[in-house]
Amino acid sequence: MTEEEKIFAGKLFDARTQELRDIKHKAHLLCQKFNGMDEYDPARLPLVREFIGKIGRKYYFQGPIQFNYGVHTFIGENFFSNFNLTVMDDARIYIGDNVMFGPNVSLMATDHPLIAQERTQMRYPDGHVSMSEFAKEIHIGSNVWLAANVVVLGGVTIGEGAVVGAGSVVTRDIPAGYLAAGVPCRPLRQITEADSKMHLLAE
């Protein structure tokens, strides 16, 4: 079993192996290139397609961005991300259509054992000591908005149409159509027509 296969099987894996470093290196280089380019440069946004698993035809990343693997992330149509997106996509991350991220959103589909020796002293047959990790997928439904400074942890599903308030840390599933917030993030109430802001449209 390769180290990448261990990730997808939910097993402990060694992120320091050359196999995984090579996968990540491409995303890291292209993110670095993206972040150094002018936002009006027509060559900037297409760079994302060179390292992402899949993305829709229409999307926008304000930048800077940082993806760990890139190829483990799958994004639908009409995606928008504000400044400073961090995606630790060790496990796969699935994002639906019409999803919006505020500034400083972090998707953290990776984890370490709590016991120190298991984090730093897992010996492999060749004698090296691992920085061991394990990872769980993140699923974000269509029409979701994650406000500024939201952190989503591995193993979480955020249902379609949900809104997660600024500064929240999402450690458990959020049902579809709910406003949720807090540390840890909890569903507060359903979003209804009473939340409409259509009256603010200029005539």
Protein backbone atom coordinates (compact mmCIF):
# COMPACT_ATOMS: atom_id res chain seq x y z
CA MET A 1 0.00 0.00 0.00
CA THR A 2 1.43 3.39 -0.99
CA GLU A 3 1.44 6.31 1.43
CA GLU A 4 -1.28 8.04 -0.62
CA GLU A 5 -3.41 4.88 -0.50
CA LYS A 6 -2.97 4.86 3.29
CA ILE A 7 -4.43 8.39 3.42
CA PHE A 8 -7.55 7.37 1.51
CA ALA A 9 -7.92 4.19 3.60
CA GLY A 10 -7.94 6.24 6.81
CA LYS A 11 -4.64 4.77 8.04
CA LEU A 12 -1.65 6.50 9.60
CA PHE A 13 0.68 7.80 6.93
CA ASP A 14 4.08 9.46 6.78
CA ALA A 15 3.84 12.89 5.17
CA ARG A 16 7.64 13.10 4.94
CA THR A 17 8.04 10.31 2.40
CA GLN A 18 9.37 11.29 -1.02
CA GLU A 19 6.20 9.92 -2.62
CA LEU A 20 3.96 12.44 -0.86
CA ARG A 21 6.48 15.28 -0.97
CA ASP A 22 6.60 15.00 -4.75
CA ILE A 23 2.80 15.28 -5.03
CA LYS A 24 2.70 18.29 -2.74
CA HIS A 25 5.67 20.01 -4.33
CA LYS A 26 3.81 20.71 -7.58
CA ALA A 27 0.94 22.39 -5.73
CA HIS A 28 3.32 24.37 -3.53
CA LEU A 29 5.28 25.69 -6.51
CA LEU A 30 2.18 26.67 -8.46
CA CYS A 31 0.58 28.36 -5.43
CA GLN A 32 3.79 30.32 -4.95
CA LYS A 33 3.69 31.36 -8.62
CA PHE A 34 -0.03 32.26 -8.38
CA ASN A 35 0.56 34.38 -5.28
CA GLY A 36 3.33 36.35 -6.99
CA MET A 37 1.22 37.32 -10.00
CA ASP A 38 -0.93 40.41 -10.52
CA GLU A 39 -4.62 39.69 -9.97
CA TYR A 40 -5.39 41.07 -13.47
CA ASP A 41 -2.88 38.78 -15.17
CA PRO A 42 -4.97 36.48 -17.43
CA ALA A 43 -2.52 33.62 -16.83
CA ARG A 44 -3.07 33.66 -13.05
CA LEU A 45 -6.39 31.85 -12.54
CA PRO A 46 -5.65 29.07 -15.08
CA LEU A 47 -2.69 28.00 -12.90
CA VAL A 48 -5.19 26.48 -10.47
CA ARG A 49 -6.21 23.90 -13.08
CA GLU A 50 -2.62 22.62 -13.19
CA PHE A 51 -2.72 21.27 -9.62
CA ILE A 52 -6.38 20.97 -8.57
CA GLY A 53 -8.22 17.63 -8.67
CA LYS A 54 -11.19 19.18 -10.48
CA ILE A 55 -12.83 22.60 -10.70
CA GLY A 56 -15.74 24.12 -12.60
CA ARG A 57 -15.50 26.46 -15.57
CA LYS A 58 -16.09 29.62 -13.53
CA TYR A 59 -14.13 30.32 -10.34
CA TYR A 60 -12.16 33.04 -8.58
CA PHE A 61 -9.43 33.01 -5.93
CA GLN A 62 -8.44 36.43 -4.64
CA GLY A 63 -5.23 35.00 -3.21
CA PRO A 64 -2.91 34.38 -1.65
CA ILE A 65 -3.76 30.67 -1.64
CA GLN A 66 -2.02 27.60 -0.25
CA PHE A 67 -3.01 24.04 -1.13
CA ASN A 68 -1.13 21.13 0.39
CA TYR A 69 -1.82 18.54 -2.32
CA GLY A 70 -4.28 20.26 -4.63
CA VAL A 71 -5.07 17.06 -6.53
CA HIS A 72 -7.15 15.89 -3.54
CA THR A 73 -9.58 18.86 -3.86
CA PHE A 74 -12.66 18.82 -6.09
CA ILE A 75 -14.64 22.06 -6.59
CA GLY A 76 -17.88 22.69 -8.48
CA GLU A 77 -19.09 25.63 -10.58
CA ASN A 78 -19.00 29.31 -9.66
CA PHE A 79 -16.63 29.11 -6.70
CA PHE A 80 -15.33 32.23 -4.93
CA SER A 81 -12.62 32.57 -2.29
CA ASN A 82 -11.45 35.77 -0.65
CA PHE A 83 -7.93 36.43 0.73
CA ASN A 84 -5.71 33.81 2.41
CA LEU A 85 -7.32 30.46 1.65
CA THR A 86 -5.51 27.50 3.23
CA VAL A 87 -6.45 23.99 2.09
CA MET A 88 -4.80 21.07 3.89
CA ASP A 89 -6.23 18.47 1.53
CA ASP A 90 -4.39 15.41 2.76
CA ALA A 91 -7.73 13.61 2.64
CA ARG A 92 -10.07 14.46 -0.22
CA ILE A 93 -12.13 17.64 -0.04
CA TYR A 94 -15.36 18.01 -2.03
CA ILE A 95 -16.94 21.45 -2.58
CA GLY A 96 -20.24 21.96 -4.42
CA ASP A 97 -21.53 24.68 -6.74
CA ASN A 98 -21.95 28.37 -5.89
CA VAL A 99 -19.82 28.18 -2.75
CA MET A 100 -18.33 31.36 -1.22
CA PHE A 101 -15.42 31.63 1.24
CA GLY A 102 -14.59 34.77 3.19
CA PRO A 103 -11.04 35.85 4.10
CA ASN A 104 -8.76 33.48 6.03
CA VAL A 105 -10.81 30.30 5.59
CA SER A 106 -8.93 27.08 6.43
CA LEU A 107 -9.96 23.55 5.43
CA MET A 108 -7.99 21.11 7.58
CA ALA A 109 -8.49 17.57 6.27
CA THR A 110 -5.56 16.18 8.24
CA ASP A 111 -4.77 15.29 11.85
CA HIS A 112 -2.06 13.92 14.15
CA PRO A 113 -2.28 11.35 16.97
CA LEU A 114 -2.70 12.81 20.45
CA ILE A 115 0.01 10.59 21.96
CA ALA A 116 3.37 12.29 21.39
CA GLN A 117 5.32 9.10 20.65
CA GLU A 118 2.82 8.17 17.95
CA ARG A 119 3.23 11.58 16.33
CA THR A 120 7.01 11.65 16.15
CA GLN A 121 8.50 8.21 16.84
CA MET A 122 6.76 5.78 14.49
CA ARG A 123 9.69 3.82 13.03
CA TYR A 124 9.59 2.55 9.46
CA PRO A 125 11.48 -0.54 8.14
CA ASP A 126 14.21 1.67 6.70
CA GLY A 127 14.84 3.11 10.18
CA HIS A 128 13.54 6.65 9.73
CA VAL A 129 11.16 8.21 12.26
CA SER A 130 7.81 9.38 10.94
CA MET A 131 5.82 12.54 11.49
CA SER A 132 2.65 10.47 11.44
CA GLU A 133 -0.75 11.75 10.35
CA PHE A 134 -4.21 10.47 9.55
CA ALA A 135 -6.90 12.23 7.56
CA LYS A 136 -10.68 12.39 7.07
CA GLU A 137 -12.57 13.91 4.14
CA ILE A 138 -14.42 17.23 4.15
CA HIS A 139 -17.69 17.65 2.24
CA ILE A 140 -19.13 21.12 1.59
CA GLY A 141 -22.49 21.25 -0.17
CA SER A 142 -23.64 23.65 -2.87
CA ASN A 143 -24.66 27.23 -2.02
CA VAL A 144 -22.65 27.29 1.22
CA TRP A 145 -21.06 30.47 2.58
CA LEU A 146 -18.16 30.25 5.01
CA ALA A 147 -17.55 33.69 6.51
CA ALA A 148 -14.21 35.17 7.55
CA ASN A 149 -11.75 33.13 9.65
CA VAL A 150 -13.74 29.88 9.56
CA VAL A 151 -11.81 26.66 10.20
CA VAL A 152 -13.32 23.35 9.01
CA LEU A 153 -11.82 20.16 10.44
CA GLY A 154 -11.59 16.75 8.79
CA GLY A 155 -14.58 14.42 8.88
CA VAL A 156 -17.11 17.28 8.61
CA THR A 157 -20.03 17.61 6.19
CA ILE A 158 -21.63 21.03 5.71
CA GLY A 159 -25.08 20.73 4.16
CA GLU A 160 -26.37 22.61 1.13
CA GLY A 161 -27.25 26.25 1.68
CA ALA A 162 -25.70 26.46 5.14
CA VAL A 163 -23.95 29.61 6.37
CA VAL A 164 -21.10 29.43 8.91
CA GLY A 165 -20.47 32.61 10.89
CA ALA A 166 -17.15 34.41 11.17
CA GLY A 167 -14.51 32.91 13.45
CA SER A 168 -16.21 29.53 13.78
CA VAL A 169 -14.37 26.22 14.19
CA VAL A 170 -16.44 23.49 12.56
CA THR A 171 -15.83 20.17 14.30
CA ARG A 172 -19.13 18.42 13.51
CA ASP A 173 -21.67 18.25 10.68
CA ILE A 174 -23.85 21.28 9.91
CA PRO A 175 -27.33 20.54 8.50
CA ALA A 176 -28.51 21.97 5.18
CA GLY A 177 -30.12 25.39 5.28
CA TYR A 178 -28.87 26.33 8.75
CA LEU A 179 -27.02 29.32 10.12
CA ALA A 180 -24.24 27.99 12.36
CA ALA A 181 -21.54 29.69 14.42
CA GLY A 182 -19.28 29.37 17.42
CA VAL A 183 -16.26 27.56 18.81
CA PRO A 184 -17.07 24.77 18.48
CA CYS A 185 -19.55 25.61 15.71
CA ARG A 186 -23.18 24.69 16.36
CA PRO A 187 -26.37 25.08 14.29
CA LEU A 188 -28.25 28.14 15.55
CA ARG A 189 -31.40 28.21 13.43
CA GLN A 190 -32.79 27.57 9.98
CA ILE A 191 -32.34 30.25 7.35
CA THR A 192 -35.79 31.49 6.21
CA GLU A 193 -37.40 34.10 3.95
CA ALA A 194 -37.28 36.43 6.96
CA ASP A 195 -33.54 36.66 6.33
CA SER A 196 -34.05 38.19 2.88
CA LYS A 197 -32.21 41.40 2.10
CA MET A 198 -34.00 42.09 -1.18
CA HIS A 199 -35.37 45.32 0.33
CA LEU A 200 -31.81 46.69 0.23
CA LEU A 201 -31.71 46.64 -3.57
CA ALA A 202 -31.25 50.14 -4.97
CA GLU A 203 -34.11 51.30 -7.16
